[in-house]
C-alpha atoms as a PDB file:
ATOM      1  CA  MET A   1      -1.667   6.124  21.849  1.00  0.00           C
ATOM      2  CA  GLY A   2       1.219   7.592  23.657  1.00  0.00           C
ATOM      3  CA  ARG A   3       4.327   6.533  25.430  1.00  0.00           C
ATOM      4  CA  LYS A   4       4.327   3.601  27.856  1.00  0.00           C
ATOM      5  CA  THR A   5       7.602   4.694  29.548  1.00  0.00           C
ATOM      6  CA  PRO A   6       7.534   8.231  31.193  1.00  0.00           C
ATOM      7  CA  GLN A   7       9.881  10.843  29.670  1.00  0.00           C
ATOM      8  CA  THR A   8      12.230  12.230  32.282  1.00  0.00           C
ATOM      9  CA  TYR A   9      15.182  14.576  32.193  1.00  0.00           C
ATOM     10  CA  GLU A  10      17.462  11.644  33.253  1.00  0.00           C
ATOM     11  CA  MET A  11      16.618   9.875  30.017  1.00  0.00           C
ATOM     12  CA  TYR A  12      18.195  12.858  28.077  1.00  0.00           C
ATOM     13  CA  ARG A  13      20.750  14.061  30.484  1.00  0.00           C
ATOM     14  CA  GLU A  14      23.897  12.732  28.596  1.00  0.00           C
ATOM     15  CA  PHE A  15      22.438  14.149  25.329  1.00  0.00           C
ATOM     16  CA  VAL A  16      21.895  17.609  26.780  1.00  0.00           C
ATOM     17  CA  GLU A  17      25.044  17.767  28.833  1.00  0.00           C
ATOM     18  CA  THR A  18      27.399  16.641  26.020  1.00  0.00           C
ATOM     19  CA  ARG A  19      26.328  19.276  23.370  1.00  0.00           C
ATOM     20  CA  PRO A  20      26.807  22.991  23.295  1.00  0.00           C
ATOM     21  CA  PRO A  21      23.965  25.053  24.933  1.00  0.00           C
ATOM     22  CA  ASP A  22      23.086  26.741  21.641  1.00  0.00           C
ATOM     23  CA  SER A  23      22.626  23.374  19.965  1.00  0.00           C
ATOM     24  CA  VAL A  24      20.311  22.070  22.637  1.00  0.00           C
ATOM     25  CA  ALA A  25      18.365  25.393  22.581  1.00  0.00           C
ATOM     26  CA  ASN A  26      17.876  24.980  18.841  1.00  0.00           C
ATOM     27  CA  ILE A  27      16.781  21.328  19.153  1.00  0.00           C
ATOM     28  CA  ALA A  28      14.273  22.407  21.863  1.00  0.00           C
ATOM     29  CA  ILE A  29      12.956  25.200  19.593  1.00  0.00           C
ATOM     30  CA  CYS A  30      12.526  22.669  16.782  1.00  0.00           C
ATOM     31  CA  LEU A  31      10.642  20.259  19.040  1.00  0.00           C
ATOM     32  CA  ILE A  32       8.391  23.066  20.285  1.00  0.00           C
ATOM     33  CA  HIS A  33       7.568  23.983  16.627  1.00  0.00           C
ATOM     34  CA  GLN A  34       6.790  20.354  15.760  1.00  0.00           C
ATOM     35  CA  ALA A  35       4.630  19.957  18.802  1.00  0.00           C
ATOM     36  CA  ASN A  36       2.821  23.191  17.909  1.00  0.00           C
ATOM     37  CA  TYR A  37       2.204  22.029  14.409  1.00  0.00           C
ATOM     38  CA  LEU A  38       0.739  18.652  15.600  1.00  0.00           C
ATOM     39  CA  ILE A  39      -1.437  20.329  18.113  1.00  0.00           C
ATOM     40  CA  ASP A  40      -2.741  22.799  15.154  1.00  0.00           C
ATOM     41  CA  GLN A  41      -3.491  19.737  13.091  1.00  0.00           C
ATOM     42  CA  GLN A  42      -5.387  18.051  15.812  1.00  0.00           C
ATOM     43  CA  ILE A  43      -7.411  21.265  16.424  1.00  0.00           C
ATOM     44  CA  HIS A  44      -8.379  21.467  12.848  1.00  0.00           C
ATOM     45  CA  ARG A  45      -9.299  17.933  12.610  1.00  0.00           C
ATOM     46  CA  LEU A  46     -11.441  18.141  15.730  1.00  0.00           C
ATOM     47  CA  GLU A  47     -13.171  21.229  14.125  1.00  0.00           C
ATOM     48  CA  ARG A  48     -13.804  19.335  10.924  1.00  0.00           C
ATOM     49  CA  ASP A  49     -15.212  16.388  12.918  1.00  0.00           C
ATOM     50  CA  PHE A  50     -17.425  18.640  14.895  1.00  0.00           C
ATOM     51  CA  LEU A  51     -18.844  20.233  11.815  1.00  0.00           C
ATOM     52  CA  THR A  52     -19.543  16.993   9.984  1.00  0.00           C
ATOM     53  CA  THR A  53     -20.768  14.779  12.936  1.00  0.00           C
ATOM     54  CA  GLY A  54     -21.885  17.220  15.457  1.00  0.00           C
ATOM     55  CA  GLY A  55     -21.228  17.543  19.120  1.00  0.00           C
ATOM     56  CA  LEU A  56     -21.710  14.840  21.812  1.00  0.00           C
ATOM     57  CA  ARG A  57     -25.321  15.768  22.550  1.00  0.00           C
ATOM     58  CA  GLU A  58     -26.086  15.613  18.825  1.00  0.00           C
ATOM     59  CA  ARG A  59     -24.507  12.249  18.413  1.00  0.00           C
ATOM     60  CA  MET A  60     -26.141  10.787  21.496  1.00  0.00           C
ATOM     61  CA  THR A  61     -29.596  11.955  20.246  1.00  0.00           C
ATOM     62  CA  ARG A  62     -28.896  10.568  16.898  1.00  0.00           C
ATOM     63  CA  ALA A  63     -27.829   7.222  18.495  1.00  0.00           C
ATOM     64  CA  ARG A  64     -31.046   6.987  20.622  1.00  0.00           C
ATOM     65  CA  ILE A  65     -33.245   7.808  17.641  1.00  0.00           C
ATOM     66  CA  ASP A  66     -31.425   5.173  15.444  1.00  0.00           C
ATOM     67  CA  TYR A  67     -31.811   2.618  18.293  1.00  0.00           C
ATOM     68  CA  ARG A  68     -35.544   3.325  18.695  1.00  0.00           C
ATOM     69  CA  ASN A  69     -36.124   3.141  14.994  1.00  0.00           C
ATOM     70  CA  LYS A  70     -34.567  -0.295  14.762  1.00  0.00           C
ATOM     71  CA  GLU A  71     -36.891  -1.826  17.317  1.00  0.00           C
END
């Protein structure tokens, strides 16, 4: 669900300050690429879910109809 502890620069200060700047930059670029990939995957999943189950209004209408049909 996410991190419980906030991520701050202080947590990574020693790591960043003890390595050469080009290594830190390369690591940052790799992390950006990984985050971008994960965001792309999430967008594709949301698109697929929308196409298969519909939007919020469609799901709400379907739920109301199902509820009414059960009574």
